[in-house]
Structure formats: C-alpha cells, structure tokens
Amino acid sequence: MTAADGLGFASRAIHAGQDPDPQTGAVIVPVYQTSTFAQTAAGEHRGWDYARSGNPTRDALEAALASLEQATHGFAFSSGLAAGDAVLRTCSPGDHVVMANDVYGGTYRQFAKV
C-alpha cells in the first residue's frame, strides 16, 4: 500500500501491512509471541524461522512504515544495537549521523569511535 494507491496518510497509517488473516479472518496482525516457526522440511521455512530475524508482526510493521514514508521497504530491528549497526554499515568515512543527545552510552561510544 503506497501513496500511489490514492490513499492518504491517515488511511495508510491504519491499513498498510494489515491484510486479513486467511485462517482466522483477523483484520489486525497479532503480536506473535513465539521464538521459532515450524519448518515444512529440514531447512525449509514458510517465511520465518526465528522471531529475532523476522516474524509476521515485524513484516506488518515494516510494510506500514514503508507506506507512511512512501518508500519501497521499511526496516525494523530487534534491538537498538542492531539498528545502529545497520546505520554504521551504510556510512562512508566523513559521513555524519544525527542522533539524540541522550542516546544510550554504548551507542554513543560506538559511533564516536568508528
């Protein structure tokens, strides 16, 4: 769901990433409180294997964020450190990163030293 669909910000904010569940009919993605997902065969997954690396709830959040930002993809991370690491990996020498002045101390030190 994107702005190209003709929907405004408010409509995208409540509908993006919210496809009805085909099994239950639920219109809101539940918070999946599981750490692992069943495999169809050894090493074959139906989309997710371990919740920390991705799950249906996170996929819905990422789709909603992408729609609201009018982007192709959105990204959510399982921790602040993972998000900070992703930012660092996109930077080149001399780039600047804007962050809050009360950011977690470990994050501050990581960005100050790298």
PDB file of N, CA and C in Angstrom:
ATOM      1  N   MET A   1       0.852  -1.167   0.000  1.00  0.00           N
ATOM      2  CA  MET A   1       0.000   0.000   0.000  1.00  0.00           C
ATOM      3  C   MET A   1       0.899   1.230   0.000  1.00  0.00           C
ATOM      4  N   THR A   2       0.747   2.042  -1.009  1.00  0.00           N
ATOM      5  CA  THR A   2       1.581   3.230  -1.154  1.00  0.00           C
ATOM      6  C   THR A   2       0.713   4.442  -1.433  1.00  0.00           C
ATOM      7  N   ALA A   3       1.326   5.619  -1.428  1.00  0.00           N
ATOM      8  CA  ALA A   3       0.601   6.840  -1.761  1.00  0.00           C
ATOM      9  C   ALA A   3       0.063   6.760  -3.180  1.00  0.00           C
ATOM     10  N   ALA A   4       0.731   5.979  -4.032  1.00  0.00           N
ATOM     11  CA  ALA A   4       0.283   5.814  -5.415  1.00  0.00           C
ATOM     12  C   ALA A   4      -1.074   5.114  -5.479  1.00  0.00           C
ATOM     13  N   ASP A   5      -1.468   4.437  -4.412  1.00  0.00           N
ATOM     14  CA  ASP A   5      -2.770   3.776  -4.362  1.00  0.00           C
ATOM     15  C   ASP A   5      -3.905   4.784  -4.236  1.00  0.00           C
ATOM     16  N   GLY A   6      -3.560   6.053  -4.045  1.00  0.00           N
ATOM     17  CA  GLY A   6      -4.568   7.091  -3.903  1.00  0.00           C
ATOM     18  C   GLY A   6      -5.067   7.274  -2.483  1.00  0.00           C
ATOM     19  N   LEU A   7      -4.509   6.544  -1.546  1.00  0.00           N
ATOM     20  CA  LEU A   7      -4.929   6.671  -0.152  1.00  0.00           C
ATOM     21  C   LEU A   7      -4.082   7.716   0.551  1.00  0.00           C
ATOM     22  N   GLY A   8      -4.697   8.453   1.449  1.00  0.00           N
ATOM     23  CA  GLY A   8      -3.976   9.461   2.209  1.00  0.00           C
ATOM     24  C   GLY A   8      -3.175   8.851   3.343  1.00  0.00           C
ATOM     25  N   PHE A   9      -2.431   9.709   4.025  1.00  0.00           N
ATOM     26  CA  PHE A   9      -1.564   9.277   5.119  1.00  0.00           C
ATOM     27  C   PHE A   9      -2.361   8.551   6.198  1.00  0.00           C
ATOM     28  N   ALA A  10      -3.501   9.118   6.614  1.00  0.00           N
ATOM     29  CA  ALA A  10      -4.284   8.520   7.699  1.00  0.00           C
ATOM     30  C   ALA A  10      -4.776   7.124   7.323  1.00  0.00           C
ATOM     31  N   SER A  11      -5.241   6.961   6.090  1.00  0.00           N
ATOM     32  CA  SER A  11      -5.709   5.638   5.653  1.00  0.00           C
ATOM     33  C   SER A  11      -4.563   4.641   5.609  1.00  0.00           C
ATOM     34  N   ARG A  12      -3.414   5.075   5.100  1.00  0.00           N
ATOM     35  CA  ARG A  12      -2.260   4.179   5.061  1.00  0.00           C
ATOM     36  C   ARG A  12      -1.803   3.837   6.472  1.00  0.00           C
ATOM     37  N   ALA A  13      -1.908   4.795   7.394  1.00  0.00           N
ATOM     38  CA  ALA A  13      -1.457   4.565   8.771  1.00  0.00           C
ATOM     39  C   ALA A  13      -2.235   3.437   9.443  1.00  0.00           C
ATOM     40  N   ILE A  14      -3.502   3.283   9.098  1.00  0.00           N
ATOM     41  CA  ILE A  14      -4.287   2.235   9.765  1.00  0.00           C
ATOM     42  C   ILE A  14      -4.464   0.974   8.930  1.00  0.00           C
ATOM     43  N   HIS A  15      -4.168   1.026   7.631  1.00  0.00           N
ATOM     44  CA  HIS A  15      -4.394  -0.146   6.789  1.00  0.00           C
ATOM     45  C   HIS A  15      -3.133  -0.813   6.253  1.00  0.00           C
ATOM     46  N   ALA A  16      -2.049  -0.091   6.082  1.00  0.00           N
ATOM     47  CA  ALA A  16      -0.838  -0.668   5.482  1.00  0.00           C
ATOM     48  C   ALA A  16      -0.311  -1.810   6.341  1.00  0.00           C
ATOM     49  N   GLY A  17      -0.021  -2.927   5.719  1.00  0.00           N
ATOM     50  CA  GLY A  17       0.503  -4.090   6.431  1.00  0.00           C
ATOM     51  C   GLY A  17      -0.557  -4.891   7.155  1.00  0.00           C
ATOM     52  N   GLN A  18      -1.818  -4.539   6.992  1.00  0.00           N
ATOM     53  CA  GLN A  18      -2.901  -5.189   7.724  1.00  0.00           C
ATOM     54  C   GLN A  18      -3.791  -5.999   6.791  1.00  0.00           C
ATOM     55  N   ASP A  19      -3.301  -7.100   6.285  1.00  0.00           N
ATOM     56  CA  ASP A  19      -4.115  -7.975   5.448  1.00  0.00           C
ATOM     57  C   ASP A  19      -4.842  -8.971   6.346  1.00  0.00           C
ATOM     58  N   PRO A  20      -6.146  -9.198   6.117  1.00  0.00           N
ATOM     59  CA  PRO A  20      -6.869 -10.156   6.961  1.00  0.00           C
ATOM     60  C   PRO A  20      -6.203 -11.532   6.946  1.00  0.00           C
ATOM     61  N   ASP A  21      -6.150 -12.156   8.102  1.00  0.00           N
ATOM     62  CA  ASP A  21      -5.554 -13.480   8.228  1.00  0.00           C
ATOM     63  C   ASP A  21      -6.445 -14.496   7.516  1.00  0.00           C
ATOM     64  N   PRO A  22      -5.908 -15.256   6.558  1.00  0.00           N
ATOM     65  CA  PRO A  22      -6.740 -16.199   5.810  1.00  0.00           C
ATOM     66  C   PRO A  22      -7.298 -17.340   6.667  1.00  0.00           C
ATOM     67  N   GLN A  23      -6.621 -17.659   7.756  1.00  0.00           N
ATOM     68  CA  GLN A  23      -7.075 -18.768   8.595  1.00  0.00           C
ATOM     69  C   GLN A  23      -8.129 -18.320   9.603  1.00  0.00           C
ATOM     70  N   THR A  24      -7.935 -17.142  10.218  1.00  0.00           N
ATOM     71  CA  THR A  24      -8.836 -16.716  11.288  1.00  0.00           C
ATOM     72  C   THR A  24      -9.765 -15.580  10.890  1.00  0.00           C
ATOM     73  N   GLY A  25      -9.402 -14.831   9.855  1.00  0.00           N
ATOM     74  CA  GLY A  25     -10.188 -13.663   9.466  1.00  0.00           C
ATOM     75  C   GLY A  25      -9.846 -12.423  10.264  1.00  0.00           C
ATOM     76  N   ALA A  26      -8.897 -12.531  11.188  1.00  0.00           N
ATOM     77  CA  ALA A  26      -8.497 -11.365  11.984  1.00  0.00           C
ATOM     78  C   ALA A  26      -8.004 -10.262  11.050  1.00  0.00           C
ATOM     79  N   VAL A  27      -8.445  -9.028  11.300  1.00  0.00           N
ATOM     80  CA  VAL A  27      -8.061  -7.920  10.423  1.00  0.00           C
ATOM     81  C   VAL A  27      -6.833  -7.171  10.920  1.00  0.00           C
ATOM     82  N   ILE A  28      -6.396  -7.447  12.121  1.00  0.00           N
ATOM     83  CA  ILE A  28      -5.195  -6.832  12.685  1.00  0.00           C
ATOM     84  C   ILE A  28      -4.173  -7.941  12.923  1.00  0.00           C
ATOM     85  N   VAL A  29      -2.944  -7.697  12.528  1.00  0.00           N
ATOM     86  CA  VAL A  29      -1.883  -8.687  12.742  1.00  0.00           C
ATOM     87  C   VAL A  29      -1.637  -8.828  14.241  1.00  0.00           C
ATOM     88  N   PRO A  30      -1.694 -10.048  14.765  1.00  0.00           N
ATOM     89  CA  PRO A  30      -1.427 -10.228  16.190  1.00  0.00           C
ATOM     90  C   PRO A  30       0.061 -10.089  16.500  1.00  0.00           C
ATOM     91  N   VAL A  31       0.357  -9.912  17.758  1.00  0.00           N
ATOM     92  CA  VAL A  31       1.745  -9.933  18.207  1.00  0.00           C
ATOM     93  C   VAL A  31       2.090 -11.410  18.413  1.00  0.00           C
ATOM     94  N   TYR A  32       2.944 -11.922  17.558  1.00  0.00           N
ATOM     95  CA  TYR A  32       3.325 -13.330  17.647  1.00  0.00           C
ATOM     96  C   TYR A  32       4.342 -13.498  18.767  1.00  0.00           C
ATOM     97  N   GLN A  33       3.943 -14.201  19.818  1.00  0.00           N
ATOM     98  CA  GLN A  33       4.809 -14.397  20.973  1.00  0.00           C
ATOM     99  C   GLN A  33       5.455 -15.776  20.908  1.00  0.00           C
ATOM    100  N   THR A  34       6.138 -16.021  19.831  1.00  0.00           N
ATOM    101  CA  THR A  34       6.847 -17.281  19.647  1.00  0.00           C
ATOM    102  C   THR A  34       8.266 -16.966  19.215  1.00  0.00           C
ATOM    103  N   SER A  35       9.170 -17.846  19.523  1.00  0.00           N
ATOM    104  CA  SER A  35      10.552 -17.598  19.102  1.00  0.00           C
ATOM    105  C   SER A  35      10.910 -18.368  17.840  1.00  0.00           C
ATOM    106  N   THR A  36      10.223 -19.478  17.578  1.00  0.00           N
ATOM    107  CA  THR A  36      10.549 -20.292  16.409  1.00  0.00           C
ATOM    108  C   THR A  36       9.284 -20.620  15.624  1.00  0.00           C
ATOM    109  N   PHE A  37       9.473 -20.984  14.366  1.00  0.00           N
ATOM    110  CA  PHE A  37       8.363 -21.310  13.476  1.00  0.00           C
ATOM    111  C   PHE A  37       8.592 -22.687  12.868  1.00  0.00           C
ATOM    112  N   ALA A  38       7.498 -23.412  12.601  1.00  0.00           N
ATOM    113  CA  ALA A  38       7.586 -24.759  12.031  1.00  0.00           C
ATOM    114  C   ALA A  38       8.201 -24.717  10.636  1.00  0.00           C
ATOM    115  N   GLN A  39       8.953 -25.754  10.333  1.00  0.00           N
ATOM    116  CA  GLN A  39       9.555 -25.902   9.012  1.00  0.00           C
ATOM    117  C   GLN A  39       8.711 -26.887   8.198  1.00  0.00           C
ATOM    118  N   THR A  40       8.650 -26.670   6.881  1.00  0.00           N
ATOM    119  CA  THR A  40       7.939 -27.617   6.017  1.00  0.00           C
ATOM    120  C   THR A  40       8.773 -28.877   5.806  1.00  0.00           C
ATOM    121  N   ALA A  41      10.081 -28.735   5.884  1.00  0.00           N
ATOM    122  CA  ALA A  41      11.044 -29.841   5.826  1.00  0.00           C
ATOM    123  C   ALA A  41      12.325 -29.309   6.457  1.00  0.00           C
ATOM    124  N   ALA A  42      13.287 -30.169   6.670  1.00  0.00           N
ATOM    125  CA  ALA A  42      14.538 -29.735   7.289  1.00  0.00           C
ATOM    126  C   ALA A  42      15.163 -28.594   6.486  1.00  0.00           C
ATOM    127  N   GLY A  43      15.270 -27.434   7.127  1.00  0.00           N
ATOM    128  CA  GLY A  43      15.882 -26.271   6.488  1.00  0.00           C
ATOM    129  C   GLY A  43      14.972 -25.496   5.552  1.00  0.00           C
ATOM    130  N   GLU A  44      13.714 -25.913   5.397  1.00  0.00           N
ATOM    131  CA  GLU A  44      12.761 -25.209   4.531  1.00  0.00           C
ATOM    132  C   GLU A  44      11.734 -24.484   5.394  1.00  0.00           C
ATOM    133  N   HIS A  45      11.690 -23.163   5.234  1.00  0.00           N
ATOM    134  CA  HIS A  45      10.816 -22.340   6.061  1.00  0.00           C
ATOM    135  C   HIS A  45       9.696 -21.743   5.226  1.00  0.00           C
ATOM    136  N   ARG A  46       8.594 -21.430   5.867  1.00  0.00           N
ATOM    137  CA  ARG A  46       7.460 -20.806   5.188  1.00  0.00           C
ATOM    138  C   ARG A  46       7.511 -19.287   5.320  1.00  0.00           C
ATOM    139  N   GLY A  47       8.684 -18.738   5.433  1.00  0.00           N
ATOM    140  CA  GLY A  47       8.809 -17.292   5.540  1.00  0.00           C
ATOM    141  C   GLY A  47       9.584 -16.848   6.761  1.00  0.00           C
ATOM    142  N   TRP A  48       9.492 -17.595   7.835  1.00  0.00           N
ATOM    143  CA  TRP A  48      10.177 -17.204   9.062  1.00  0.00           C
ATOM    144  C   TRP A  48      10.775 -18.446   9.710  1.00  0.00           C
ATOM    145  N   ASP A  49      11.904 -18.260  10.382  1.00  0.00           N
ATOM    146  CA  ASP A  49      12.478 -19.389  11.108  1.00  0.00           C
ATOM    147  C   ASP A  49      12.668 -19.056  12.582  1.00  0.00           C
ATOM    148  N   TYR A  50      13.130 -17.851  12.867  1.00  0.00           N
ATOM    149  CA  TYR A  50      13.409 -17.447  14.241  1.00  0.00           C
ATOM    150  C   TYR A  50      12.933 -16.010  14.408  1.00  0.00           C
ATOM    151  N   ALA A  51      12.154 -15.742  15.429  1.00  0.00           N
ATOM    152  CA  ALA A  51      11.479 -14.450  15.578  1.00  0.00           C
ATOM    153  C   ALA A  51      12.427 -13.258  15.611  1.00  0.00           C
ATOM    154  N   ARG A  52      13.623 -13.429  16.116  1.00  0.00           N
ATOM    155  CA  ARG A  52      14.545 -12.300  16.190  1.00  0.00           C
ATOM    156  C   ARG A  52      14.957 -11.818  14.796  1.00  0.00           C
ATOM    157  N   SER A  53      14.971 -12.719  13.824  1.00  0.00           N
ATOM    158  CA  SER A  53      15.358 -12.325  12.464  1.00  0.00           C
ATOM    159  C   SER A  53      14.160 -11.919  11.613  1.00  0.00           C
ATOM    160  N   GLY A  54      12.965 -12.139  12.082  1.00  0.00           N
ATOM    161  CA  GLY A  54      11.770 -11.726  11.361  1.00  0.00           C
ATOM    162  C   GLY A  54      10.560 -12.530  11.797  1.00  0.00           C
ATOM    163  N   ASN A  55       9.387 -11.923  11.714  1.00  0.00           N
ATOM    164  CA  ASN A  55       8.139 -12.593  12.045  1.00  0.00           C
ATOM    165  C   ASN A  55       6.984 -11.819  11.409  1.00  0.00           C
ATOM    166  N   PRO A  56       5.778 -12.383  11.379  1.00  0.00           N
ATOM    167  CA  PRO A  56       4.667 -11.704  10.716  1.00  0.00           C
ATOM    168  C   PRO A  56       4.359 -10.320  11.296  1.00  0.00           C
ATOM    169  N   THR A  57       4.486 -10.156  12.592  1.00  0.00           N
ATOM    170  CA  THR A  57       4.223  -8.859  13.208  1.00  0.00           C
ATOM    171  C   THR A  57       5.216  -7.820  12.705  1.00  0.00           C
ATOM    172  N   ARG A  58       6.467  -8.181  12.675  1.00  0.00           N
ATOM    173  CA  ARG A  58       7.501  -7.262  12.194  1.00  0.00           C
ATOM    174  C   ARG A  58       7.320  -6.948  10.713  1.00  0.00           C
ATOM    175  N   ASP A  59       6.939  -7.947   9.917  1.00  0.00           N
ATOM    176  CA  ASP A  59       6.688  -7.708   8.495  1.00  0.00           C
ATOM    177  C   ASP A  59       5.588  -6.666   8.308  1.00  0.00           C
ATOM    178  N   ALA A  60       4.521  -6.767   9.106  1.00  0.00           N
ATOM    179  CA  ALA A  60       3.418  -5.806   9.012  1.00  0.00           C
ATOM    180  C   ALA A  60       3.890  -4.407   9.395  1.00  0.00           C
ATOM    181  N   LEU A  61       4.692  -4.299  10.447  1.00  0.00           N
ATOM    182  CA  LEU A  61       5.235  -3.002  10.856  1.00  0.00           C
ATOM    183  C   LEU A  61       6.099  -2.410   9.751  1.00  0.00           C
ATOM    184  N   GLU A  62       6.966  -3.220   9.170  1.00  0.00           N
ATOM    185  CA  GLU A  62       7.849  -2.730   8.106  1.00  0.00           C
ATOM    186  C   GLU A  62       7.048  -2.264   6.891  1.00  0.00           C
ATOM    187  N   ALA A  63       5.980  -2.991   6.549  1.00  0.00           N
ATOM    188  CA  ALA A  63       5.130  -2.582   5.422  1.00  0.00           C
ATOM    189  C   ALA A  63       4.435  -1.263   5.726  1.00  0.00           C
ATOM    190  N   ALA A  64       3.963  -1.105   6.963  1.00  0.00           N
ATOM    191  CA  ALA A  64       3.296   0.143   7.344  1.00  0.00           C
ATOM    192  C   ALA A  64       4.274   1.314   7.315  1.00  0.00           C
ATOM    193  N   LEU A  65       5.469   1.130   7.847  1.00  0.00           N
ATOM    194  CA  LEU A  65       6.468   2.206   7.840  1.00  0.00           C
ATOM    195  C   LEU A  65       6.852   2.592   6.417  1.00  0.00           C
ATOM    196  N   ALA A  66       7.025   1.603   5.556  1.00  0.00           N
ATOM    197  CA  ALA A  66       7.368   1.892   4.162  1.00  0.00           C
ATOM    198  C   ALA A  66       6.263   2.700   3.499  1.00  0.00           C
ATOM    199  N   SER A  67       5.020   2.329   3.744  1.00  0.00           N
ATOM    200  CA  SER A  67       3.902   3.054   3.153  1.00  0.00           C
ATOM    201  C   SER A  67       3.850   4.492   3.650  1.00  0.00           C
ATOM    202  N   LEU A  68       4.009   4.672   4.948  1.00  0.00           N
ATOM    203  CA  LEU A  68       3.942   6.022   5.519  1.00  0.00           C
ATOM    204  C   LEU A  68       5.074   6.909   5.028  1.00  0.00           C
ATOM    205  N   GLU A  69       6.226   6.320   4.783  1.00  0.00           N
ATOM    206  CA  GLU A  69       7.385   7.081   4.300  1.00  0.00           C
ATOM    207  C   GLU A  69       7.451   7.119   2.774  1.00  0.00           C
ATOM    208  N   GLN A  70       6.449   6.521   2.131  1.00  0.00           N
ATOM    209  CA  GLN A  70       6.398   6.442   0.667  1.00  0.00           C
ATOM    210  C   GLN A  70       7.683   5.819   0.118  1.00  0.00           C
ATOM    211  N   ALA A  71       8.077   4.732   0.754  1.00  0.00           N
ATOM    212  CA  ALA A  71       9.304   4.022   0.385  1.00  0.00           C
ATOM    213  C   ALA A  71       8.960   2.624  -0.117  1.00  0.00           C
ATOM    214  N   THR A  72       9.916   1.993  -0.732  1.00  0.00           N
ATOM    215  CA  THR A  72       9.731   0.627  -1.213  1.00  0.00           C
ATOM    216  C   THR A  72       9.785  -0.373  -0.062  1.00  0.00           C
ATOM    217  N   HIS A  73      10.689  -0.142   0.887  1.00  0.00           N
ATOM    218  CA  HIS A  73      10.877  -1.061   2.007  1.00  0.00           C
ATOM    219  C   HIS A  73      10.973  -0.279   3.307  1.00  0.00           C
ATOM    220  N   GLY A  74      10.592  -0.926   4.395  1.00  0.00           N
ATOM    221  CA  GLY A  74      10.790  -0.388   5.733  1.00  0.00           C
ATOM    222  C   GLY A  74      11.613  -1.396   6.513  1.00  0.00           C
ATOM    223  N   PHE A  75      12.288  -0.927   7.521  1.00  0.00           N
ATOM    224  CA  PHE A  75      13.121  -1.823   8.319  1.00  0.00           C
ATOM    225  C   PHE A  75      12.830  -1.633   9.796  1.00  0.00           C
ATOM    226  N   ALA A  76      12.690  -2.741  10.507  1.00  0.00           N
ATOM    227  CA  ALA A  76      12.555  -2.734  11.957  1.00  0.00           C
ATOM    228  C   ALA A  76      13.631  -3.680  12.483  1.00  0.00           C
ATOM    229  N   PHE A  77      14.135  -3.382  13.653  1.00  0.00           N
ATOM    230  CA  PHE A  77      15.237  -4.165  14.204  1.00  0.00           C
ATOM    231  C   PHE A  77      14.854  -4.717  15.567  1.00  0.00           C
ATOM    232  N   SER A  78      15.490  -5.813  15.939  1.00  0.00           N
ATOM    233  CA  SER A  78      15.179  -6.445  17.218  1.00  0.00           C
ATOM    234  C   SER A  78      15.852  -5.750  18.391  1.00  0.00           C
ATOM    235  N   SER A  79      16.767  -4.828  18.101  1.00  0.00           N
ATOM    236  CA  SER A  79      17.422  -4.087  19.181  1.00  0.00           C
ATOM    237  C   SER A  79      17.973  -2.777  18.644  1.00  0.00           C
ATOM    238  N   GLY A  80      18.223  -1.863  19.558  1.00  0.00           N
ATOM    239  CA  GLY A  80      18.834  -0.595  19.167  1.00  0.00           C
ATOM    240  C   GLY A  80      20.232  -0.793  18.612  1.00  0.00           C
ATOM    241  N   LEU A  81      20.957  -1.750  19.152  1.00  0.00           N
ATOM    242  CA  LEU A  81      22.308  -2.015  18.662  1.00  0.00           C
ATOM    243  C   LEU A  81      22.268  -2.500  17.213  1.00  0.00           C
ATOM    244  N   ALA A  82      21.290  -3.334  16.893  1.00  0.00           N
ATOM    245  CA  ALA A  82      21.153  -3.807  15.510  1.00  0.00           C
ATOM    246  C   ALA A  82      20.841  -2.643  14.572  1.00  0.00           C
ATOM    247  N   ALA A  83      19.991  -1.730  15.012  1.00  0.00           N
ATOM    248  CA  ALA A  83      19.666  -0.559  14.190  1.00  0.00           C
ATOM    249  C   ALA A  83      20.896   0.325  13.999  1.00  0.00           C
ATOM    250  N   GLY A  84      21.627   0.557  15.077  1.00  0.00           N
ATOM    251  CA  GLY A  84      22.843   1.370  14.989  1.00  0.00           C
ATOM    252  C   GLY A  84      23.874   0.744  14.073  1.00  0.00           C
ATOM    253  N   ASP A  85      24.019  -0.563  14.160  1.00  0.00           N
ATOM    254  CA  ASP A  85      24.968  -1.263  13.301  1.00  0.00           C
ATOM    255  C   ASP A  85      24.575  -1.117  11.828  1.00  0.00           C
ATOM    256  N   ALA A  86      23.284  -1.206  11.541  1.00  0.00           N
ATOM    257  CA  ALA A  86      22.819  -1.046  10.155  1.00  0.00           C
ATOM    258  C   ALA A  86      23.123   0.356   9.639  1.00  0.00           C
ATOM    259  N   VAL A  87      22.944   1.360  10.494  1.00  0.00           N
ATOM    260  CA  VAL A  87      23.263   2.733  10.096  1.00  0.00           C
ATOM    261  C   VAL A  87      24.756   2.849   9.806  1.00  0.00           C
ATOM    262  N   LEU A  88      25.587   2.333  10.705  1.00  0.00           N
ATOM    263  CA  LEU A  88      27.039   2.415  10.509  1.00  0.00           C
ATOM    264  C   LEU A  88      27.480   1.757   9.204  1.00  0.00           C
ATOM    265  N   ARG A  89      26.851   0.652   8.854  1.00  0.00           N
ATOM    266  CA  ARG A  89      27.246  -0.069   7.641  1.00  0.00           C
ATOM    267  C   ARG A  89      26.880   0.676   6.362  1.00  0.00           C
ATOM    268  N   THR A  90      26.010   1.677   6.469  1.00  0.00           N
ATOM    269  CA  THR A  90      25.673   2.477   5.281  1.00  0.00           C
ATOM    270  C   THR A  90      26.531   3.730   5.168  1.00  0.00           C
ATOM    271  N   CYS A  91      27.311   4.014   6.197  1.00  0.00           N
ATOM    272  CA  CYS A  91      28.116   5.242   6.223  1.00  0.00           C
ATOM    273  C   CYS A  91      29.475   5.038   5.558  1.00  0.00           C
ATOM    274  N   SER A  92      29.975   6.128   5.030  1.00  0.00           N
ATOM    275  CA  SER A  92      31.328   6.175   4.471  1.00  0.00           C
ATOM    276  C   SER A  92      32.158   7.109   5.331  1.00  0.00           C
ATOM    277  N   PRO A  93      33.481   7.022   5.264  1.00  0.00           N
ATOM    278  CA  PRO A  93      34.316   7.949   6.038  1.00  0.00           C
ATOM    279  C   PRO A  93      33.919   9.399   5.764  1.00  0.00           C
ATOM    280  N   GLY A  94      33.764  10.154   6.842  1.00  0.00           N
ATOM    281  CA  GLY A  94      33.399  11.563   6.726  1.00  0.00           C
ATOM    282  C   GLY A  94      31.907  11.829   6.792  1.00  0.00           C
ATOM    283  N   ASP A  95      31.069  10.777   6.722  1.00  0.00           N
ATOM    284  CA  ASP A  95      29.623  10.964   6.834  1.00  0.00           C
ATOM    285  C   ASP A  95      29.265  11.392   8.252  1.00  0.00           C
ATOM    286  N   HIS A  96      28.113  11.994   8.404  1.00  0.00           N
ATOM    287  CA  HIS A  96      27.626  12.433   9.710  1.00  0.00           C
ATOM    288  C   HIS A  96      26.325  11.711  10.030  1.00  0.00           C
ATOM    289  N   VAL A  97      26.123  11.409  11.299  1.00  0.00           N
ATOM    290  CA  VAL A  97      24.899  10.779  11.779  1.00  0.00           C
ATOM    291  C   VAL A  97      24.293  11.692  12.830  1.00  0.00           C
ATOM    292  N   VAL A  98      23.008  11.971  12.712  1.00  0.00           N
ATOM    293  CA  VAL A  98      22.302  12.790  13.693  1.00  0.00           C
ATOM    294  C   VAL A  98      21.609  11.844  14.665  1.00  0.00           C
ATOM    295  N   MET A  99      21.837  12.042  15.962  1.00  0.00           N
ATOM    296  CA  MET A  99      21.191  11.218  16.985  1.00  0.00           C
ATOM    297  C   MET A  99      20.871  12.080  18.196  1.00  0.00           C
ATOM    298  N   ALA A 100      20.018  11.574  19.043  1.00  0.00           N
ATOM    299  CA  ALA A 100      19.618  12.302  20.247  1.00  0.00           C
ATOM    300  C   ALA A 100      20.815  12.503  21.168  1.00  0.00           C
ATOM    301  N   ASN A 101      20.789  13.591  21.926  1.00  0.00           N
ATOM    302  CA  ASN A 101      21.911  13.860  22.831  1.00  0.00           C
ATOM    303  C   ASN A 101      21.899  12.947  24.057  1.00  0.00           C
ATOM    304  N   ASP A 102      20.814  12.211  24.262  1.00  0.00           N
ATOM    305  CA  ASP A 102      20.770  11.286  25.395  1.00  0.00           C
ATOM    306  C   ASP A 102      20.721   9.828  24.927  1.00  0.00           C
ATOM    307  N   VAL A 103      21.321   9.559  23.745  1.00  0.00           N
ATOM    308  CA  VAL A 103      21.363   8.202  23.221  1.00  0.00           C
ATOM    309  C   VAL A 103      22.106   7.291  24.205  1.00  0.00           C
ATOM    310  N   TYR A 104      21.797   6.018  24.171  1.00  0.00           N
ATOM    311  CA  TYR A 104      22.442   5.027  25.035  1.00  0.00           C
ATOM    312  C   TYR A 104      23.959   5.170  24.942  1.00  0.00           C
ATOM    313  N   GLY A 105      24.632   5.118  26.077  1.00  0.00           N
ATOM    314  CA  GLY A 105      26.074   5.343  26.140  1.00  0.00           C
ATOM    315  C   GLY A 105      26.887   4.434  25.237  1.00  0.00           C
ATOM    316  N   GLY A 106      26.514   3.152  25.168  1.00  0.00           N
ATOM    317  CA  GLY A 106      27.233   2.226  24.299  1.00  0.00           C
ATOM    318  C   GLY A 106      27.099   2.613  22.836  1.00  0.00           C
ATOM    319  N   THR A 107      25.936   3.090  22.466  1.00  0.00           N
ATOM    320  CA  THR A 107      25.721   3.538  21.082  1.00  0.00           C
ATOM    321  C   THR A 107      26.548   4.780  20.804  1.00  0.00           C
ATOM    322  N   TYR A 108      26.561   5.706  21.756  1.00  0.00           N
ATOM    323  CA  TYR A 108      27.364   6.924  21.578  1.00  0.00           C
ATOM    324  C   TYR A 108      28.838   6.565  21.372  1.00  0.00           C
ATOM    325  N   ARG A 109      29.356   5.686  22.236  1.00  0.00           N
ATOM    326  CA  ARG A 109      30.771   5.314  22.125  1.00  0.00           C
ATOM    327  C   ARG A 109      31.051   4.602  20.803  1.00  0.00           C
ATOM    328  N   GLN A 110      30.131   3.760  20.376  1.00  0.00           N
ATOM    329  CA  GLN A 110      30.318   3.054  19.112  1.00  0.00           C
ATOM    330  C   GLN A 110      30.415   4.048  17.955  1.00  0.00           C
ATOM    331  N   PHE A 111      29.534   5.023  17.920  1.00  0.00           N
ATOM    332  CA  PHE A 111      29.549   5.993  16.830  1.00  0.00           C
ATOM    333  C   PHE A 111      30.727   6.957  16.952  1.00  0.00           C
ATOM    334  N   ALA A 112      31.123   7.270  18.171  1.00  0.00           N
ATOM    335  CA  ALA A 112      32.234   8.206  18.366  1.00  0.00           C
ATOM    336  C   ALA A 112      33.574   7.578  17.976  1.00  0.00           C
ATOM    337  N   LYS A 113      33.700   6.269  18.132  1.00  0.00           N
ATOM    338  CA  LYS A 113      34.976   5.598  17.879  1.00  0.00           C
ATOM    339  C   LYS A 113      35.114   5.077  16.450  1.00  0.00           C
ATOM    340  N   VAL A 114      34.001   4.842  15.775  1.00  0.00           N
ATOM    341  CA  VAL A 114      34.061   4.225  14.435  1.00  0.00           C
ATOM    342  C   VAL A 114      34.183   5.285  13.364  1.00  0.00           C
TER     343      VAL A 114
END
